[in-house]
Protein backbone atom coordinates (compact mmCIF):
# COMPACT_ATOMS: atom_id res chain seq x y z
CA UNK A 1 0.00 0.00 0.00
CA UNK A 2 1.41 3.37 -1.05
CA UNK A 3 1.82 5.85 1.80
CA UNK A 4 0.22 9.24 1.17
CA UNK A 5 1.90 11.87 3.37
CA UNK A 6 -0.52 13.63 5.71
CA UNK A 7 -0.18 17.41 5.80
CA UNK A 8 -1.59 19.65 8.52
CA UNK A 9 -3.06 22.89 7.12
CA UNK A 10 -3.32 25.95 9.37
CA UNK A 11 -6.70 27.66 9.43
CA UNK A 12 -8.27 31.06 9.86
CA UNK A 13 -10.93 31.83 12.47
CA UNK A 14 -14.25 33.59 12.04
CA UNK A 15 -16.91 34.40 14.61
CA UNK A 16 -20.13 32.58 13.81
CA UNK A 17 -23.55 33.43 15.23
CA UNK A 18 -23.10 30.99 18.11
CA UNK A 19 -19.42 30.08 18.18
CA UNK A 20 -15.97 30.59 16.70
CA UNK A 21 -15.57 28.68 13.43
CA UNK A 22 -12.68 27.69 11.20
CA UNK A 23 -12.22 28.56 7.55
CA UNK A 24 -9.78 27.75 4.78
CA UNK A 25 -9.80 27.30 1.01
CA UNK A 26 -10.52 23.76 -0.17
CA UNK A 27 -7.94 24.32 -2.91
CA UNK A 28 -5.13 23.52 -0.46
CA UNK A 29 -6.44 20.03 0.10
CA UNK A 30 -7.15 19.53 -3.59
CA UNK A 31 -3.60 20.51 -4.55
CA UNK A 32 -2.06 18.28 -1.90
CA UNK A 33 -4.17 15.40 -3.20
CA UNK A 34 -3.01 16.01 -6.78
CA UNK A 35 0.58 16.05 -5.52
CA UNK A 36 0.16 12.66 -3.84
CA UNK A 37 -0.65 13.65 -0.27
CA UNK A 38 -3.63 14.30 1.96
CA UNK A 39 -4.51 17.46 3.85
CA UNK A 40 -6.24 17.92 7.20
CA UNK A 41 -7.36 21.25 8.65
CA UNK A 42 -5.95 22.35 12.00
CA UNK A 43 -8.63 23.35 14.48
CA UNK A 44 -6.87 22.87 17.82
CA UNK A 45 -4.77 20.30 19.63
CA UNK A 46 -1.37 19.67 21.12
CA UNK A 47 1.25 20.80 18.65
CA UNK A 48 3.88 18.32 19.83
CA UNK A 49 1.55 15.36 19.23
CA UNK A 50 0.36 16.77 15.91
CA UNK A 51 3.93 17.21 14.69
CA UNK A 52 4.53 13.55 15.51
CA UNK A 53 1.44 12.27 13.72
CA UNK A 54 1.56 14.51 10.64
CA UNK A 55 4.27 14.34 7.98
CA UNK A 56 4.40 18.03 7.09
CA UNK A 57 2.92 21.45 7.73
CA UNK A 58 1.29 23.97 5.40
CA UNK A 59 1.03 27.49 6.84
CA UNK A 60 -1.80 28.89 4.75
CA UNK A 61 -2.87 32.35 3.66
CA UNK A 62 -4.94 34.72 5.75
CA UNK A 63 -4.70 37.97 7.69
CA UNK A 64 -1.71 39.89 8.99
CA UNK A 65 0.80 38.75 11.63
CA UNK A 66 0.82 41.11 14.60
CA UNK A 67 3.72 43.63 14.33
CA UNK A 68 4.74 42.78 17.90
CA UNK A 69 5.97 39.44 16.54
CA UNK A 70 8.76 41.29 14.75
CA UNK A 71 9.39 44.04 17.26
CA UNK A 72 7.21 46.81 15.85
CA UNK A 73 4.16 48.78 16.88
CA UNK A 74 1.06 48.96 14.71
CA UNK A 75 1.26 51.74 12.14
CA UNK A 76 -1.51 53.85 10.65
CA UNK A 77 -2.61 51.28 8.07
CA UNK A 78 -5.45 49.00 9.30
CA UNK A 79 -4.39 45.39 9.80
CA UNK A 80 -6.38 42.16 9.98
CA UNK A 81 -4.93 40.60 13.12
CA UNK A 82 -5.80 37.43 15.03
CA UNK A 83 -3.42 36.94 18.00
CA UNK A 84 -4.83 33.44 18.63
CA UNK A 85 -3.94 32.30 15.13
CA UNK A 86 -0.52 33.94 15.47
CA UNK A 87 0.16 31.94 18.63
CA UNK A 88 -1.14 28.71 17.08
CA UNK A 89 1.06 29.04 14.04
CA UNK A 90 4.12 29.95 16.09
CA UNK A 91 3.61 26.77 18.12
CA UNK A 92 2.97 24.65 15.03
CA UNK A 93 6.07 25.98 13.31
CA UNK A 94 8.25 25.34 16.36
CA UNK A 95 6.95 21.77 16.78
CA UNK A 96 7.35 20.74 13.13
CA UNK A 97 10.69 22.51 12.76
CA UNK A 98 12.02 20.72 15.86
CA UNK A 99 11.21 17.38 14.21
CA UNK A 100 12.84 18.49 10.94
CA UNK A 101 9.59 17.98 9.06
CA UNK A 102 8.91 19.96 5.87
CA UNK A 103 7.02 23.23 6.04
CA UNK A 104 5.49 25.20 3.18
CA UNK A 105 4.32 28.77 3.82
CA UNK A 106 1.86 30.48 1.49
CA UNK A 107 1.22 34.27 1.49
CA UNK A 108 0.66 34.95 5.21
CA UNK A 109 2.54 31.69 5.68
CA UNK A 110 5.85 32.96 4.31
CA UNK A 111 5.48 36.02 6.54
CA UNK A 112 4.96 33.80 9.57
CA UNK A 113 7.98 31.67 8.65
CA UNK A 114 10.05 34.81 8.54
CA UNK A 115 8.91 36.34 11.82
CA UNK A 116 9.07 33.00 13.65
CA UNK A 117 12.76 32.87 12.78
CA UNK A 118 13.61 36.48 13.61
CA UNK A 119 12.90 38.37 10.39
CA UNK A 120 10.76 41.47 9.88
CA UNK A 121 7.91 42.58 7.62
CA UNK A 122 6.80 45.71 5.85
CA UNK A 123 3.43 46.49 7.43
CA UNK A 124 2.14 47.89 4.14
CA UNK A 125 3.27 48.02 0.53
CA UNK A 126 1.46 49.35 -2.51
CA UNK A 127 0.40 47.71 -5.77
CA UNK A 128 0.49 44.08 -4.64
CA UNK A 129 -3.10 43.64 -3.48
CA UNK A 130 -4.72 42.45 -6.70
CA UNK A 131 -3.69 41.12 -10.10
CA UNK A 132 -0.67 39.23 -11.40
CA UNK A 133 2.99 40.05 -12.02
CA UNK A 134 6.20 38.23 -12.84
CA UNK A 135 8.90 37.20 -10.37
CA UNK A 136 12.52 36.25 -10.88
CA UNK A 137 13.46 32.97 -9.20
CA UNK A 138 16.76 31.49 -8.10
CA UNK A 139 17.89 28.36 -9.91
CA UNK A 140 16.50 25.85 -7.41
CA UNK A 141 13.06 27.47 -7.31
CA UNK A 142 13.19 27.90 -11.09
CA UNK A 143 13.60 24.13 -11.34
CA UNK A 144 10.13 23.81 -9.82
CA UNK A 145 8.15 26.64 -11.44
CA UNK A 146 10.38 28.30 -14.05
CA UNK A 147 12.76 31.22 -13.94
CA UNK A 148 10.32 34.08 -14.49
CA UNK A 149 6.80 32.85 -13.78
CA UNK A 150 3.71 35.00 -13.51
CA UNK A 151 2.20 34.87 -10.03
CA UNK A 152 -0.98 36.18 -8.46
CA UNK A 153 -0.76 38.92 -5.85
CA UNK A 154 -3.18 39.33 -2.94
CA UNK A 155 -1.03 40.85 -0.20
CA UNK A 156 -0.38 44.27 1.30
CA UNK A 157 2.46 43.14 3.57
CA UNK A 158 5.77 41.58 2.58
CA UNK A 159 9.07 40.32 3.93
CA UNK A 160 11.44 43.14 4.83
CA UNK A 161 14.56 41.64 6.45
CA UNK A 162 14.88 37.92 5.81
CA UNK A 163 15.41 35.86 8.95
CA UNK A 164 18.79 34.26 9.67
CA UNK A 165 19.08 30.94 7.88
CA UNK A 166 16.85 31.95 4.98
CA UNK A 167 17.83 33.08 1.52
CA UNK A 168 15.70 35.00 -0.92
CA UNK A 169 14.43 32.64 -3.64
CA UNK A 170 12.33 35.08 -5.70
CA UNK A 171 11.79 38.81 -6.12
CA UNK A 172 9.27 40.95 -7.99
CA UNK A 173 10.36 43.63 -10.44
CA UNK A 174 10.09 46.27 -7.67
CA UNK A 175 12.51 44.15 -5.57
CA UNK A 176 9.80 42.91 -3.19
CA UNK A 177 10.80 39.56 -1.70
CA UNK A 178 8.42 36.92 -3.05
CA UNK A 179 9.91 33.67 -1.76
CA UNK A 180 12.21 32.43 1.01
CA UNK A 181 14.02 29.11 1.21
CA UNK A 182 15.86 27.84 4.28
CA UNK A 183 19.51 27.13 3.63
CA UNK A 184 19.67 23.85 5.54
CA UNK A 185 16.13 22.79 6.46
CA UNK A 186 13.10 21.70 4.37
CA UNK A 187 11.30 25.03 4.78
CA UNK A 188 10.01 27.03 1.80
CA UNK A 189 7.67 30.01 1.63
CA UNK A 190 6.10 31.92 -1.27
CA UNK A 191 4.22 35.21 -1.15
CA UNK A 192 1.72 34.26 -3.84
CA UNK A 193 -1.09 31.67 -3.76
CA UNK A 194 0.05 28.61 -5.75
CA UNK A 195 -3.20 26.77 -4.92
CA UNK A 196 -4.89 29.26 -7.26
CA UNK A 197 -2.43 28.45 -10.04
CA UNK A 198 -3.04 24.73 -10.56
CA UNK A 199 -5.24 23.97 -13.57
CA UNK A 200 -7.86 22.69 -13.82
CA UNK A 201 -8.62 23.60 -10.20
CA UNK A 202 -7.94 27.32 -10.58
CA UNK A 203 -5.92 29.40 -13.03
CA UNK A 204 -5.30 32.95 -11.85
CA UNK A 205 -2.29 33.29 -14.18
CA UNK A 206 -2.94 31.73 -17.60
CA UNK A 207 -0.42 29.08 -18.57
CA UNK A 208 1.10 28.70 -15.10
CA UNK A 209 1.03 25.52 -13.03
CA UNK A 210 2.54 25.64 -9.54
CA UNK A 211 1.58 22.15 -8.40
CA UNK A 212 5.32 21.43 -8.09
CA UNK A 213 5.43 23.52 -4.90
CA UNK A 214 3.00 21.12 -3.26
CA UNK A 215 5.00 18.27 -4.79
CA UNK A 216 8.10 19.63 -3.08
CA UNK A 217 6.33 19.45 0.29
CA UNK A 218 5.11 15.89 -0.32
CA UNK A 219 8.50 14.69 -1.57
CA UNK A 220 10.24 15.94 1.56
CA UNK A 221 7.92 14.04 3.91
């Protein structure tokens, strides 16, 4: 029987009429399935036990990490902050990283990877909140998705100073950091949403297919 790696997917929180509820795009699970794995949504639980039972971690997109995580105060631009999710993802990252299990960060996820390891963020940047643009990738990332792929762009924050241990793996034309790759550990983060660039599931950027990023996560399990 072929083993399908089981990936834990972090989740956002929304207040329902009667209780707090969890939310995340089903595209994450669909892409992991296409890549040969299975995804399960994090709702709560002991992070140490979860990191033992699951083969990898996907830190998914969502709101903004609190500036206190990288030593700043909130600026004038409104932020979408959930301190509970921040704390959950910090604990998840620490548990999976301690077991040397692979971690993929997407949009908010790459920002959390960076701040968890001591990097900083720009609290607000312009002209990255909607649409598509090209990025220039390093050779190893280019081997997965090409040297100058088009990517979608749904963020108003971005990596400022990359954390120790990480190297920049992609930049936009305006020099914004678009991907980070750990130098020695199986940890990769991208600022765009690759789950929305996997035909036939979703095709934000025509002609692009970023399933290989999910394949990278599965292959390192």
